[in-house]
Amino acid sequence: MHNNRVGDTVKFGQSSRLFLLCGPDELLPEEGLTRSQKAQLAQMEYAQRMKERDLKVRSLGRRWMGDRW
């Protein structure tokens, strides 16, 4: 069973017809990212920050080691 919302488009079987579910504006879903999409975006941003941090640490380590040689 699927949860359909106002504004969803439905197609039955092999029919070429599309049906739009209509209803009051109060029942329209919120616009923007879903909770799972927000979590995935946060994970991707965190991974990017960690990658940038690692590159910066490596760069600083090479400079420090270069000064010692």
Protein backbone atom coordinates (compact mmCIF):
# COMPACT_ATOMS: atom_id res chain seq x y z
CA MET A 1 0.00 0.00 0.00
CA HIS A 2 1.35 3.40 -0.98
CA ASN A 3 0.58 6.67 0.73
CA ASN A 4 -0.65 9.07 -1.93
CA ARG A 5 -0.81 12.79 -1.31
CA VAL A 6 -2.54 15.73 -2.87
CA GLY A 7 -0.62 16.70 -6.00
CA ASP A 8 0.64 13.16 -6.74
CA THR A 9 0.27 11.76 -10.24
CA VAL A 10 -1.08 8.22 -10.61
CA LYS A 11 -0.96 5.86 -13.58
CA PHE A 12 -2.89 2.57 -13.58
CA GLY A 13 -1.40 -0.44 -15.34
CA GLN A 14 -0.47 0.04 -18.99
CA SER A 15 -2.84 2.98 -19.43
CA SER A 16 -1.41 6.12 -21.04
CA ARG A 17 -3.67 8.28 -18.87
CA LEU A 18 -2.28 10.09 -15.86
CA PHE A 19 -4.47 11.14 -12.94
CA LEU A 20 -3.62 14.04 -10.63
CA LEU A 21 -4.87 13.76 -7.07
CA CYS A 22 -6.64 16.97 -6.13
CA GLY A 23 -7.53 18.29 -2.70
CA PRO A 24 -7.27 21.26 -0.35
CA ASP A 25 -4.03 23.22 -0.14
CA GLU A 26 -3.64 22.25 3.53
CA LEU A 27 -3.01 18.64 2.44
CA LEU A 28 -0.23 19.51 -0.01
CA PRO A 29 3.15 18.14 1.10
CA GLU A 30 5.83 20.58 2.22
CA GLU A 31 8.20 21.66 -0.51
CA GLY A 32 11.88 20.96 -0.22
CA LEU A 33 13.94 17.95 0.77
CA THR A 34 12.54 14.98 2.63
CA ARG A 35 13.99 13.93 5.98
CA SER A 36 16.02 11.13 4.37
CA GLN A 37 17.30 13.47 1.64
CA LYS A 38 18.38 15.98 4.30
CA ALA A 39 20.22 13.24 6.19
CA GLN A 40 21.94 12.07 3.02
CA LEU A 41 22.95 15.64 2.17
CA ALA A 42 24.34 16.14 5.68
CA GLN A 43 26.40 12.93 5.35
CA MET A 44 27.78 14.07 1.99
CA GLU A 45 28.68 17.51 3.36
CA TYR A 46 30.38 15.91 6.38
CA ALA A 47 32.39 13.58 4.14
CA GLN A 48 33.48 16.55 2.01
CA ARG A 49 34.57 18.52 5.10
CA MET A 50 36.57 15.52 6.38
CA LYS A 51 38.24 15.10 2.99
CA GLU A 52 39.18 18.79 2.90
CA ARG A 53 40.47 18.60 6.48
CA ASP A 54 42.61 15.56 5.68
CA LEU A 55 44.10 17.31 2.66
CA LYS A 56 44.89 20.36 4.79
CA VAL A 57 46.51 18.23 7.51
CA ARG A 58 48.63 16.40 4.93
CA SER A 59 49.68 19.69 3.38
CA LEU A 60 50.67 21.11 6.78
CA GLY A 61 52.55 17.89 7.63
CA ARG A 62 54.56 18.07 4.42
CA ARG A 63 55.45 21.70 5.07
CA TRP A 64 56.50 20.87 8.61
CA MET A 65 58.61 17.92 7.48
CA GLY A 66 60.06 20.04 4.66
CA ASP A 67 61.25 22.64 7.18
CA ARG A 68 63.07 19.95 9.15
CA TRP A 69 65.03 18.50 6.26
